[in-house]
C-alpha atoms as a PDB file:
ATOM      1  CA  MET A   1      -2.743 -15.090 -22.823  1.00  0.00           C
ATOM      2  CA  GLY A   2      -2.172 -15.144 -19.083  1.00  0.00           C
ATOM      3  CA  VAL A   3      -3.817 -14.595 -15.710  1.00  0.00           C
ATOM      4  CA  VAL A   4      -2.606 -11.769 -13.461  1.00  0.00           C
ATOM      5  CA  ALA A   5      -4.243 -10.821 -10.156  1.00  0.00           C
ATOM      6  CA  GLY A   6      -7.327 -12.838 -11.111  1.00  0.00           C
ATOM      7  CA  GLU A   7      -7.792 -11.051 -14.440  1.00  0.00           C
ATOM      8  CA  LEU A   8      -7.266 -12.538 -17.881  1.00  0.00           C
ATOM      9  CA  LEU A   9      -4.749 -10.661 -20.029  1.00  0.00           C
ATOM     10  CA  VAL A  10      -4.526 -11.166 -23.780  1.00  0.00           C
ATOM     11  CA  LEU A  11      -1.768  -9.714 -25.932  1.00  0.00           C
ATOM     12  CA  ASP A  12      -3.252  -9.173 -29.383  1.00  0.00           C
ATOM     13  CA  LYS A  13      -0.464  -9.308 -31.999  1.00  0.00           C
ATOM     14  CA  SER A  14      -2.702  -9.135 -35.037  1.00  0.00           C
ATOM     15  CA  GLU A  15      -1.247  -5.692 -35.724  1.00  0.00           C
ATOM     16  CA  ALA A  16       2.483  -6.380 -35.685  1.00  0.00           C
ATOM     17  CA  ASP A  17       3.437  -2.704 -35.379  1.00  0.00           C
ATOM     18  CA  ALA A  18       0.980  -1.978 -32.586  1.00  0.00           C
ATOM     19  CA  PRO A  19       0.205  -4.990 -30.366  1.00  0.00           C
ATOM     20  CA  ALA A  20      -2.729  -4.388 -28.028  1.00  0.00           C
ATOM     21  CA  LEU A  21      -3.130  -5.534 -24.431  1.00  0.00           C
ATOM     22  CA  LEU A  22      -6.672  -6.616 -23.543  1.00  0.00           C
ATOM     23  CA  CYS A  23      -8.026  -7.318 -20.069  1.00  0.00           C
ATOM     24  CA  SER A  24     -11.103  -9.123 -18.747  1.00  0.00           C
ATOM     25  CA  GLY A  25     -11.863  -6.239 -16.365  1.00  0.00           C
ATOM     26  CA  PRO A  26     -11.912  -2.425 -16.616  1.00  0.00           C
ATOM     27  CA  THR A  27      -9.046  -2.167 -14.108  1.00  0.00           C
ATOM     28  CA  ILE A  28      -6.399  -4.490 -12.749  1.00  0.00           C
ATOM     29  CA  THR A  29      -4.805  -4.269  -9.290  1.00  0.00           C
ATOM     30  CA  GLY A  30      -6.734  -1.008  -8.939  1.00  0.00           C
ATOM     31  CA  LYS A  31      -4.999   0.585 -11.943  1.00  0.00           C
ATOM     32  CA  SER A  32      -6.113   1.454 -15.429  1.00  0.00           C
ATOM     33  CA  LEU A  33      -4.842  -1.030 -18.012  1.00  0.00           C
ATOM     34  CA  SER A  34      -2.390   1.559 -19.342  1.00  0.00           C
ATOM     35  CA  ASP A  35      -0.906   2.299 -15.908  1.00  0.00           C
ATOM     36  CA  PHE A  36      -0.802  -1.401 -15.060  1.00  0.00           C
ATOM     37  CA  ALA A  37       1.026  -2.241 -18.299  1.00  0.00           C
ATOM     38  CA  THR A  38       3.645   0.460 -17.629  1.00  0.00           C
ATOM     39  CA  SER A  39       4.349  -1.018 -14.205  1.00  0.00           C
ATOM     40  CA  TYR A  40       3.956  -4.735 -14.973  1.00  0.00           C
ATOM     41  CA  PHE A  41       6.182  -4.686 -18.055  1.00  0.00           C
ATOM     42  CA  SER A  42       8.689  -2.294 -16.412  1.00  0.00           C
ATOM     43  CA  LEU A  43       8.238   0.241 -19.189  1.00  0.00           C
ATOM     44  CA  ASP A  44       9.428   2.882 -16.739  1.00  0.00           C
ATOM     45  CA  ILE A  45      12.899   1.322 -16.553  1.00  0.00           C
ATOM     46  CA  ASP A  46      15.592   2.107 -19.131  1.00  0.00           C
ATOM     47  CA  ASN A  47      17.599  -1.118 -19.242  1.00  0.00           C
ATOM     48  CA  ARG A  48      20.639   0.732 -20.569  1.00  0.00           C
ATOM     49  CA  GLN A  49      20.972   2.322 -17.146  1.00  0.00           C
ATOM     50  CA  ALA A  50      21.772  -1.101 -15.666  1.00  0.00           C
ATOM     51  CA  PHE A  51      25.179  -1.016 -17.358  1.00  0.00           C
ATOM     52  CA  PRO A  52      27.377   1.982 -16.459  1.00  0.00           C
ATOM     53  CA  GLU A  53      29.847   3.481 -18.919  1.00  0.00           C
ATOM     54  CA  GLU A  54      32.738   1.766 -17.158  1.00  0.00           C
ATOM     55  CA  PHE A  55      31.152  -1.610 -17.958  1.00  0.00           C
ATOM     56  CA  GLY A  56      31.204  -0.785 -21.677  1.00  0.00           C
ATOM     57  CA  ARG A  57      34.841   0.304 -21.534  1.00  0.00           C
ATOM     58  CA  ARG A  58      35.927  -2.867 -19.727  1.00  0.00           C
ATOM     59  CA  TYR A  59      33.829  -5.276 -21.800  1.00  0.00           C
ATOM     60  CA  PRO A  60      33.278  -3.710 -25.255  1.00  0.00           C
ATOM     61  CA  ALA A  61      32.624  -7.005 -27.065  1.00  0.00           C
ATOM     62  CA  LEU A  62      30.099  -8.088 -24.446  1.00  0.00           C
ATOM     63  CA  ARG A  63      28.426  -4.680 -24.570  1.00  0.00           C
ATOM     64  CA  GLU A  64      27.833  -5.175 -28.304  1.00  0.00           C
ATOM     65  CA  LEU A  65      26.567  -8.714 -27.783  1.00  0.00           C
ATOM     66  CA  LEU A  66      24.015  -7.459 -25.274  1.00  0.00           C
ATOM     67  CA  GLN A  67      22.492  -4.749 -27.472  1.00  0.00           C
ATOM     68  CA  PRO A  68      19.553  -6.837 -28.843  1.00  0.00           C
ATOM     69  CA  TYR A  69      18.774  -8.059 -25.315  1.00  0.00           C
ATOM     70  CA  LEU A  70      18.333  -4.575 -23.882  1.00  0.00           C
ATOM     71  CA  ARG A  71      14.755  -4.729 -25.196  1.00  0.00           C
ATOM     72  CA  LEU A  72      13.899  -7.484 -22.716  1.00  0.00           C
ATOM     73  CA  LYS A  73      11.589  -6.408 -19.928  1.00  0.00           C
ATOM     74  CA  LEU A  74      11.542  -7.813 -16.417  1.00  0.00           C
ATOM     75  CA  LEU A  75       7.956  -8.394 -15.262  1.00  0.00           C
ATOM     76  CA  ARG A  76       6.765  -7.059 -11.922  1.00  0.00           C
ATOM     77  CA  GLN A  77       4.923 -10.202 -10.896  1.00  0.00           C
ATOM     78  CA  GLU A  78       2.565 -10.886  -8.011  1.00  0.00           C
ATOM     79  CA  PRO A  79       4.554 -11.550  -4.793  1.00  0.00           C
ATOM     80  CA  PHE A  80       2.753 -14.630  -3.458  1.00  0.00           C
ATOM     81  CA  GLU A  81       2.442 -16.305  -6.850  1.00  0.00           C
ATOM     82  CA  THR A  82       6.135 -15.652  -7.505  1.00  0.00           C
ATOM     83  CA  MET A  83       7.164 -17.139  -4.174  1.00  0.00           C
ATOM     84  CA  ILE A  84       5.118 -20.323  -4.616  1.00  0.00           C
ATOM     85  CA  THR A  85       6.149 -20.743  -8.252  1.00  0.00           C
ATOM     86  CA  PHE A  86       9.839 -20.617  -7.405  1.00  0.00           C
ATOM     87  CA  MET A  87       9.317 -22.996  -4.491  1.00  0.00           C
ATOM     88  CA  CYS A  88       7.694 -25.436  -6.940  1.00  0.00           C
ATOM     89  CA  ALA A  89      10.359 -24.911  -9.577  1.00  0.00           C
ATOM     90  CA  GLN A  90      13.564 -26.079  -7.917  1.00  0.00           C
ATOM     91  CA  GLY A  91      15.711 -28.185 -10.251  1.00  0.00           C
ATOM     92  CA  ILE A  92      13.201 -28.634 -13.089  1.00  0.00           C
ATOM     93  CA  GLY A  93      12.726 -27.158 -16.564  1.00  0.00           C
ATOM     94  CA  MET A  94      10.314 -24.456 -17.640  1.00  0.00           C
ATOM     95  CA  ARG A  95       7.968 -26.833 -19.453  1.00  0.00           C
ATOM     96  CA  ILE A  96       7.346 -28.822 -16.267  1.00  0.00           C
ATOM     97  CA  ILE A  97       7.123 -25.631 -14.200  1.00  0.00           C
ATOM     98  CA  ARG A  98       4.376 -24.247 -16.433  1.00  0.00           C
ATOM     99  CA  ARG A  99       2.474 -27.525 -16.200  1.00  0.00           C
ATOM    100  CA  GLN A 100       2.796 -27.572 -12.406  1.00  0.00           C
ATOM    101  CA  VAL A 101       1.633 -23.956 -11.975  1.00  0.00           C
ATOM    102  CA  ASP A 102      -1.303 -24.609 -14.302  1.00  0.00           C
ATOM    103  CA  TYR A 103      -2.251 -27.679 -12.251  1.00  0.00           C
ATOM    104  CA  LEU A 104      -1.894 -25.663  -9.047  1.00  0.00           C
ATOM    105  CA  SER A 105      -4.304 -23.022 -10.350  1.00  0.00           C
ATOM    106  CA  ARG A 106      -6.818 -25.525 -11.715  1.00  0.00           C
ATOM    107  CA  THR A 107      -6.801 -27.560  -8.509  1.00  0.00           C
ATOM    108  CA  PHE A 108      -6.816 -24.820  -5.884  1.00  0.00           C
ATOM    109  CA  GLY A 109      -7.577 -21.554  -7.720  1.00  0.00           C
ATOM    110  CA  ARG A 110     -10.877 -19.741  -8.152  1.00  0.00           C
ATOM    111  CA  GLN A 111     -12.578 -20.431 -11.485  1.00  0.00           C
ATOM    112  CA  CYS A 112     -13.280 -17.266 -13.480  1.00  0.00           C
ATOM    113  CA  SER A 113     -14.868 -16.466 -16.814  1.00  0.00           C
ATOM    114  CA  ALA A 114     -14.575 -13.667 -19.331  1.00  0.00           C
ATOM    115  CA  VAL A 115     -15.819 -12.820 -22.811  1.00  0.00           C
ATOM    116  CA  PHE A 116     -13.344 -11.708 -25.479  1.00  0.00           C
ATOM    117  CA  GLU A 117     -14.652 -10.734 -28.897  1.00  0.00           C
ATOM    118  CA  GLY A 118     -17.832 -12.712 -28.293  1.00  0.00           C
ATOM    119  CA  GLU A 119     -16.041 -15.848 -27.122  1.00  0.00           C
ATOM    120  CA  ALA A 120     -16.627 -17.116 -23.584  1.00  0.00           C
ATOM    121  CA  LEU A 121     -13.395 -18.123 -21.869  1.00  0.00           C
ATOM    122  CA  SER A 122     -12.898 -19.964 -18.600  1.00  0.00           C
ATOM    123  CA  TYR A 123      -9.728 -19.821 -16.542  1.00  0.00           C
ATOM    124  CA  HIS A 124      -8.453 -20.173 -12.984  1.00  0.00           C
ATOM    125  CA  ALA A 125      -6.834 -17.508 -10.839  1.00  0.00           C
ATOM    126  CA  PHE A 126      -3.750 -18.374  -8.832  1.00  0.00           C
ATOM    127  CA  PRO A 127      -4.827 -19.682  -5.394  1.00  0.00           C
ATOM    128  CA  ALA A 128      -4.917 -17.322  -2.424  1.00  0.00           C
ATOM    129  CA  PRO A 129      -2.561 -17.839   0.555  1.00  0.00           C
ATOM    130  CA  ASP A 130      -5.304 -19.085   2.890  1.00  0.00           C
ATOM    131  CA  THR A 131      -6.401 -21.650   0.291  1.00  0.00           C
ATOM    132  CA  LEU A 132      -2.921 -23.152  -0.055  1.00  0.00           C
ATOM    133  CA  ALA A 133      -2.409 -22.928   3.709  1.00  0.00           C
ATOM    134  CA  SER A 134      -5.275 -25.404   4.153  1.00  0.00           C
ATOM    135  CA  ALA A 135      -4.318 -27.619   1.202  1.00  0.00           C
ATOM    136  CA  ASP A 136      -3.648 -31.318   1.647  1.00  0.00           C
ATOM    137  CA  PRO A 137       0.098 -31.852   1.009  1.00  0.00           C
ATOM    138  CA  GLU A 138      -0.692 -35.208  -0.598  1.00  0.00           C
ATOM    139  CA  THR A 139      -2.715 -33.413  -3.267  1.00  0.00           C
ATOM    140  CA  LEU A 140      -0.286 -30.521  -3.495  1.00  0.00           C
ATOM    141  CA  ARG A 141       2.693 -32.781  -4.156  1.00  0.00           C
ATOM    142  CA  LEU A 142       1.361 -33.322  -7.691  1.00  0.00           C
ATOM    143  CA  CYS A 143       2.303 -29.660  -8.221  1.00  0.00           C
ATOM    144  CA  THR A 144       5.819 -30.173  -6.859  1.00  0.00           C
ATOM    145  CA  ASN A 145       7.121 -32.974  -9.075  1.00  0.00           C
ATOM    146  CA  ASN A 146       5.911 -35.487  -6.469  1.00  0.00           C
ATOM    147  CA  ASN A 147       8.154 -33.959  -3.796  1.00  0.00           C
ATOM    148  CA  CYS A 148       6.358 -34.371  -0.462  1.00  0.00           C
ATOM    149  CA  ALA A 149       8.756 -32.194   1.548  1.00  0.00           C
ATOM    150  CA  ARG A 150       8.407 -29.385  -0.971  1.00  0.00           C
ATOM    151  CA  ALA A 151       4.611 -29.639  -0.795  1.00  0.00           C
ATOM    152  CA  ARG A 152       4.714 -29.298   3.009  1.00  0.00           C
ATOM    153  CA  ASN A 153       7.073 -26.317   2.718  1.00  0.00           C
ATOM    154  CA  ILE A 154       4.622 -24.596   0.367  1.00  0.00           C
ATOM    155  CA  VAL A 155       1.736 -25.170   2.771  1.00  0.00           C
ATOM    156  CA  ASP A 156       3.838 -23.708   5.602  1.00  0.00           C
ATOM    157  CA  ALA A 157       4.894 -20.683   3.515  1.00  0.00           C
ATOM    158  CA  ALA A 158       1.297 -20.031   2.476  1.00  0.00           C
ATOM    159  CA  ALA A 159       0.245 -20.214   6.141  1.00  0.00           C
ATOM    160  CA  ALA A 160       2.962 -17.707   7.071  1.00  0.00           C
ATOM    161  CA  VAL A 161       1.669 -15.263   4.450  1.00  0.00           C
ATOM    162  CA  ALA A 162      -1.994 -15.864   5.329  1.00  0.00           C
ATOM    163  CA  SER A 163      -1.321 -15.209   9.033  1.00  0.00           C
ATOM    164  CA  GLY A 164       0.792 -12.119   8.383  1.00  0.00           C
ATOM    165  CA  LYS A 165       3.909 -13.702   9.856  1.00  0.00           C
ATOM    166  CA  LEU A 166       5.558 -13.267   6.450  1.00  0.00           C
ATOM    167  CA  ASP A 167       4.492  -9.879   5.054  1.00  0.00           C
ATOM    168  CA  LEU A 168       5.498  -9.905   1.404  1.00  0.00           C
ATOM    169  CA  GLU A 169       4.132  -6.438   0.674  1.00  0.00           C
ATOM    170  CA  ALA A 170       6.240  -4.994   3.494  1.00  0.00           C
ATOM    171  CA  LEU A 171       9.381  -6.527   1.970  1.00  0.00           C
ATOM    172  CA  LYS A 172       8.916  -4.372  -1.121  1.00  0.00           C
ATOM    173  CA  ASP A 173       9.897  -1.371   0.995  1.00  0.00           C
ATOM    174  CA  PRO A 174      13.364  -0.176  -0.112  1.00  0.00           C
ATOM    175  CA  GLU A 175      13.924   1.057   3.440  1.00  0.00           C
ATOM    176  CA  ILE A 176      14.259  -2.591   4.472  1.00  0.00           C
ATOM    177  CA  PRO A 177      17.862  -3.597   3.623  1.00  0.00           C
ATOM    178  CA  LEU A 178      18.067  -6.280   0.975  1.00  0.00           C
ATOM    179  CA  ASP A 179      20.000  -8.619   3.277  1.00  0.00           C
ATOM    180  CA  GLU A 180      17.282  -8.344   5.905  1.00  0.00           C
ATOM    181  CA  ALA A 181      14.521  -8.990   3.384  1.00  0.00           C
ATOM    182  CA  ARG A 182      16.417 -12.039   2.114  1.00  0.00           C
ATOM    183  CA  SER A 183      16.855 -13.339   5.653  1.00  0.00           C
ATOM    184  CA  ARG A 184      13.124 -13.068   6.336  1.00  0.00           C
ATOM    185  CA  LEU A 185      12.392 -15.123   3.233  1.00  0.00           C
ATOM    186  CA  CYS A 186      15.087 -17.689   4.008  1.00  0.00           C
ATOM    187  CA  ALA A 187      13.517 -18.246   7.429  1.00  0.00           C
ATOM    188  CA  GLN A 188      10.919 -20.323   5.554  1.00  0.00           C
ATOM    189  CA  HIS A 189      11.796 -23.961   4.944  1.00  0.00           C
ATOM    190  CA  GLY A 190      12.282 -24.514   1.226  1.00  0.00           C
ATOM    191  CA  ILE A 191      13.590 -21.022   0.478  1.00  0.00           C
ATOM    192  CA  GLY A 192      17.347 -20.701   0.049  1.00  0.00           C
ATOM    193  CA  LEU A 193      19.477 -17.812  -1.147  1.00  0.00           C
ATOM    194  CA  LYS A 194      18.766 -18.170  -4.870  1.00  0.00           C
ATOM    195  CA  ILE A 195      15.008 -18.590  -4.494  1.00  0.00           C
ATOM    196  CA  ALA A 196      14.882 -15.692  -2.026  1.00  0.00           C
ATOM    197  CA  ASP A 197      16.698 -13.461  -4.524  1.00  0.00           C
ATOM    198  CA  CYS A 198      14.352 -14.563  -7.328  1.00  0.00           C
ATOM    199  CA  ILE A 199      11.363 -13.663  -5.140  1.00  0.00           C
ATOM    200  CA  LEU A 200      12.935 -10.302  -4.303  1.00  0.00           C
ATOM    201  CA  LEU A 201      13.682  -9.498  -7.936  1.00  0.00           C
ATOM    202  CA  PHE A 202      10.584 -10.754  -9.740  1.00  0.00           C
ATOM    203  CA  GLY A 203       7.901 -10.675  -7.060  1.00  0.00           C
ATOM    204  CA  LEU A 204       8.964  -7.881  -4.706  1.00  0.00           C
ATOM    205  CA  HIS A 205      10.476  -5.693  -7.425  1.00  0.00           C
ATOM    206  CA  ARG A 206      13.755  -5.199  -5.588  1.00  0.00           C
ATOM    207  CA  HIS A 207      15.842  -4.646  -8.722  1.00  0.00           C
ATOM    208  CA  SER A 208      19.140  -4.721  -6.840  1.00  0.00           C
ATOM    209  CA  ALA A 209      18.660  -8.432  -6.041  1.00  0.00           C
ATOM    210  CA  PHE A 210      20.986 -10.623  -8.111  1.00  0.00           C
ATOM    211  CA  PRO A 211      20.003 -14.326  -8.189  1.00  0.00           C
ATOM    212  CA  ILE A 212      22.751 -16.787  -9.115  1.00  0.00           C
ATOM    213  CA  ASP A 213      21.816 -20.071 -10.762  1.00  0.00           C
ATOM    214  CA  THR A 214      23.877 -22.452 -12.900  1.00  0.00           C
ATOM    215  CA  HIS A 215      23.824 -20.184 -15.964  1.00  0.00           C
ATOM    216  CA  VAL A 216      24.802 -17.082 -13.980  1.00  0.00           C
ATOM    217  CA  HIS A 217      27.542 -19.105 -12.281  1.00  0.00           C
ATOM    218  CA  GLN A 218      28.856 -20.063 -15.729  1.00  0.00           C
ATOM    219  CA  TYR A 219      28.820 -16.606 -17.301  1.00  0.00           C
ATOM    220  CA  LEU A 220      30.522 -15.044 -14.281  1.00  0.00           C
ATOM    221  CA  ALA A 221      33.404 -17.455 -14.912  1.00  0.00           C
ATOM    222  CA  GLU A 222      33.445 -17.194 -18.700  1.00  0.00           C
ATOM    223  CA  TRP A 223      32.688 -13.537 -19.375  1.00  0.00           C
ATOM    224  CA  PHE A 224      34.109 -11.903 -16.250  1.00  0.00           C
ATOM    225  CA  SER A 225      36.878 -14.350 -15.292  1.00  0.00           C
ATOM    226  CA  PHE A 226      35.686 -14.696 -11.713  1.00  0.00           C
ATOM    227  CA  ASP A 227      37.891 -17.404 -10.229  1.00  0.00           C
ATOM    228  CA  ASP A 228      35.360 -17.915  -7.451  1.00  0.00           C
ATOM    229  CA  ALA A 229      32.779 -18.898 -10.072  1.00  0.00           C
ATOM    230  CA  LEU A 230      34.815 -22.042 -10.732  1.00  0.00           C
ATOM    231  CA  LYS A 231      34.229 -23.173  -7.154  1.00  0.00           C
ATOM    232  CA  THR A 232      31.210 -24.975  -5.724  1.00  0.00           C
ATOM    233  CA  LEU A 233      28.308 -22.604  -5.157  1.00  0.00           C
ATOM    234  CA  THR A 234      28.145 -22.763  -1.364  1.00  0.00           C
ATOM    235  CA  GLY A 235      26.218 -20.134   0.583  1.00  0.00           C
ATOM    236  CA  LYS A 236      29.443 -18.252   1.363  1.00  0.00           C
ATOM    237  CA  ASN A 237      30.617 -18.359  -2.253  1.00  0.00           C
ATOM    238  CA  TYR A 238      27.148 -17.336  -3.478  1.00  0.00           C
ATOM    239  CA  LEU A 239      27.249 -14.130  -1.437  1.00  0.00           C
ATOM    240  CA  LEU A 240      30.850 -13.417  -2.460  1.00  0.00           C
ATOM    241  CA  LEU A 241      30.053 -13.802  -6.153  1.00  0.00           C
ATOM    242  CA  GLN A 242      26.954 -11.674  -5.721  1.00  0.00           C
ATOM    243  CA  ARG A 243      28.958  -8.812  -4.183  1.00  0.00           C
ATOM    244  CA  ARG A 244      31.589  -8.974  -6.926  1.00  0.00           C
ATOM    245  CA  ALA A 245      28.993  -9.120  -9.704  1.00  0.00           C
ATOM    246  CA  THR A 246      26.948  -6.242  -8.306  1.00  0.00           C
ATOM    247  CA  ASP A 247      30.058  -4.040  -8.450  1.00  0.00           C
ATOM    248  CA  LEU A 248      30.045  -4.425 -12.246  1.00  0.00           C
ATOM    249  CA  PHE A 249      26.621  -2.891 -12.707  1.00  0.00           C
ATOM    250  CA  ASN A 250      24.416  -0.070 -11.540  1.00  0.00           C
ATOM    251  CA  PRO A 251      23.774  -1.470  -8.036  1.00  0.00           C
ATOM    252  CA  ASP A 252      20.140  -0.315  -8.094  1.00  0.00           C
ATOM    253  CA  LEU A 253      19.541  -2.357 -11.264  1.00  0.00           C
ATOM    254  CA  ALA A 254      21.959  -5.258 -10.759  1.00  0.00           C
ATOM    255  CA  GLY A 255      19.136  -7.780 -11.059  1.00  0.00           C
ATOM    256  CA  VAL A 256      18.004  -6.266 -14.363  1.00  0.00           C
ATOM    257  CA  ALA A 257      21.572  -6.506 -15.684  1.00  0.00           C
ATOM    258  CA  GLY A 258      21.846 -10.083 -14.472  1.00  0.00           C
ATOM    259  CA  HIS A 259      18.583 -11.052 -16.162  1.00  0.00           C
ATOM    260  CA  ILE A 260      19.704  -9.587 -19.498  1.00  0.00           C
ATOM    261  CA  LEU A 261      23.048 -11.395 -19.248  1.00  0.00           C
ATOM    262  CA  PHE A 262      21.212 -14.614 -18.322  1.00  0.00           C
ATOM    263  CA  HIS A 263      19.154 -14.558 -21.518  1.00  0.00           C
ATOM    264  CA  ALA A 264      22.138 -13.582 -23.680  1.00  0.00           C
ATOM    265  CA  TRP A 265      24.187 -16.456 -22.214  1.00  0.00           C
ATOM    266  CA  ARG A 266      21.447 -19.020 -22.774  1.00  0.00           C
ATOM    267  CA  LYS A 267      20.784 -17.867 -26.331  1.00  0.00           C
ATOM    268  CA  GLU A 268      24.214 -16.896 -27.647  1.00  0.00           C
ATOM    269  CA  ILE A 269      26.481 -19.337 -25.820  1.00  0.00           C
ATOM    270  CA  LYS A 270      24.335 -22.312 -24.783  1.00  0.00           C
ATOM    271  CA  ARG A 271      22.142 -22.064 -27.907  1.00  0.00           C
ATOM    272  CA  LEU A 272      19.010 -22.808 -25.921  1.00  0.00           C
ATOM    273  CA  GLU A 273      15.757 -21.942 -27.675  1.00  0.00           C
ATOM    274  CA  THR A 274      13.123 -22.750 -25.073  1.00  0.00           C
ATOM    275  CA  PHE A 275      12.432 -21.406 -21.593  1.00  0.00           C
END
């Protein structure tokens, strides 16, 4: 169960062979549920295309390791929600992130209701930019692991989106070079290179964006023998590693490849079970 664009989505797994997606409204983001699901779950992307034939020839053992993970799908998430979530999420685990985003929605989001199979359900949509732009940072800091500076940065970013100064929808345009789109995001306090690339990949659906976090840093060293991955991840080294990594994959789907490798590394090498 989750909330997307103010609508409640429920994935019914009662039929294991044919799970059904249910929605609180007849359409979502102006699309039929079927068309929305194709886009949101990236069903139109063949993940195998992220790894060219040369990749398989150079790394045959890794290619085999990745096979079960090719079924993973990268969600096309809402731009503003993605940006704020990643700004909240710096340096903390997924369990705390989920709790913070839930608190953010319950505190500042619009309360909604829906009926599923005769049961009345209440939930909160993610807050709109103008709502967060006028939020009290002292209240908002409870959504940022008690980080006051981060709370102020989120208010400022929300104000930039609400005023049109930061046009997230425009940054989806592939005609805008990725470096330029990243620079526009990084102009906001609280958004660095990694968070900007996460926003580009997950929220703006720029699948060539390749975020580098600790796990990506580690697998670039271990699996691909990148000497630069053994160095401190400065801004300069981040961009160098990103260029080298992108050359390994289909450049249009480098972020998809990176996401698949990220999950394989966490599961197969780090033996992490939770996200």
